[in-house]
Protein backbone atom coordinates (compact mmCIF):
# COMPACT_ATOMS: atom_id res chain seq x y z
CA MET A 1 -6.57 -19.55 -20.75
CA ILE A 2 -7.40 -22.65 -18.58
CA PHE A 3 -4.75 -24.49 -20.58
CA ALA A 4 -1.99 -22.24 -19.24
CA PHE A 5 -2.80 -23.58 -15.63
CA LEU A 6 -2.53 -27.33 -16.58
CA SER A 7 0.70 -29.42 -15.84
CA SER A 8 2.74 -30.16 -18.66
CA ARG A 9 1.83 -33.95 -18.12
CA VAL A 10 -2.01 -33.26 -18.57
CA ARG A 11 -1.28 -31.09 -21.68
CA GLN A 12 0.71 -33.74 -23.18
CA TYR A 13 -1.81 -36.31 -22.25
CA LEU A 14 -4.63 -34.06 -23.99
CA LEU A 15 -2.54 -33.61 -26.85
CA PHE A 16 -1.93 -37.12 -27.68
CA ALA A 17 -5.42 -38.56 -26.63
CA LEU A 18 -7.49 -35.78 -28.22
CA VAL A 19 -5.79 -33.67 -30.80
CA LEU A 20 -3.68 -36.18 -32.52
CA PRO A 21 -6.34 -38.57 -33.45
CA PHE A 22 -8.29 -35.76 -35.01
CA VAL A 23 -5.35 -34.49 -37.00
CA GLY A 24 -4.79 -38.16 -38.24
CA ARG A 25 -8.47 -38.25 -39.65
CA LEU A 26 -8.17 -34.95 -41.11
CA LEU A 27 -4.79 -35.75 -42.62
CA GLN A 28 -6.52 -39.37 -44.27
CA THR A 29 -9.36 -37.12 -45.74
CA VAL A 30 -7.41 -34.82 -47.18
CA GLY A 31 -5.30 -37.68 -48.69
CA VAL A 32 -8.18 -39.37 -50.36
CA ARG A 33 -8.70 -35.83 -52.24
CA VAL A 34 -5.49 -35.20 -52.99
CA GLY A 35 -4.72 -38.90 -54.35
CA ALA A 36 -7.33 -38.11 -57.15
CA ARG A 37 -4.92 -35.64 -58.49
CA ASN A 38 -1.43 -36.76 -56.87
CA PRO A 39 -1.50 -40.50 -56.26
CA ARG A 40 1.98 -40.44 -54.37
CA ALA A 41 1.10 -37.33 -52.37
CA GLY A 42 -2.37 -38.93 -51.41
CA ASP A 43 -0.66 -41.97 -50.29
CA ALA A 44 1.93 -40.21 -48.30
CA LEU A 45 -0.88 -38.03 -46.55
CA GLN A 46 -2.92 -41.13 -45.72
CA LYS A 47 -0.03 -42.90 -44.25
CA ALA A 48 0.94 -40.16 -42.27
CA GLY A 49 -2.71 -39.67 -41.07
CA GLY A 50 -2.74 -43.53 -40.09
CA TYR A 51 0.26 -42.95 -37.77
CA ALA A 52 -1.24 -39.77 -36.36
CA ARG A 53 -4.34 -41.34 -35.60
CA GLN A 54 -3.27 -44.61 -33.95
CA PRO A 55 0.12 -43.99 -32.38
CA LEU A 56 2.57 -47.11 -31.89
CA SER A 57 2.97 -48.49 -28.48
CA ARG A 58 6.59 -48.62 -26.99
CA GLN A 59 6.58 -52.36 -27.38
CA GLN A 60 5.45 -52.05 -31.08
CA ARG A 61 8.26 -49.50 -31.78
CA ARG A 62 10.63 -51.72 -29.96
CA ASN A 63 9.88 -54.57 -32.13
CA LEU A 64 10.04 -52.59 -35.51
CA ARG A 65 13.49 -51.33 -34.44
CA ARG A 66 14.40 -55.06 -34.09
CA LEU A 67 13.37 -55.74 -37.54
CA ARG A 68 15.25 -52.87 -39.29
């Protein structure tokens, strides 16, 4: 209920600061378990979890675009 009264910037900050790192850890944990049965799927989950756990900064994204 309280979440509805927060501004969109505060909600976005909470999402990126609190929820996404937790989801990243969860994906990495699930990826390890799935990787025992299906290595490709496990690697994909672990990679996605790493991205969610530590998002790239704006400068890092720009550098990656330049490399492509």
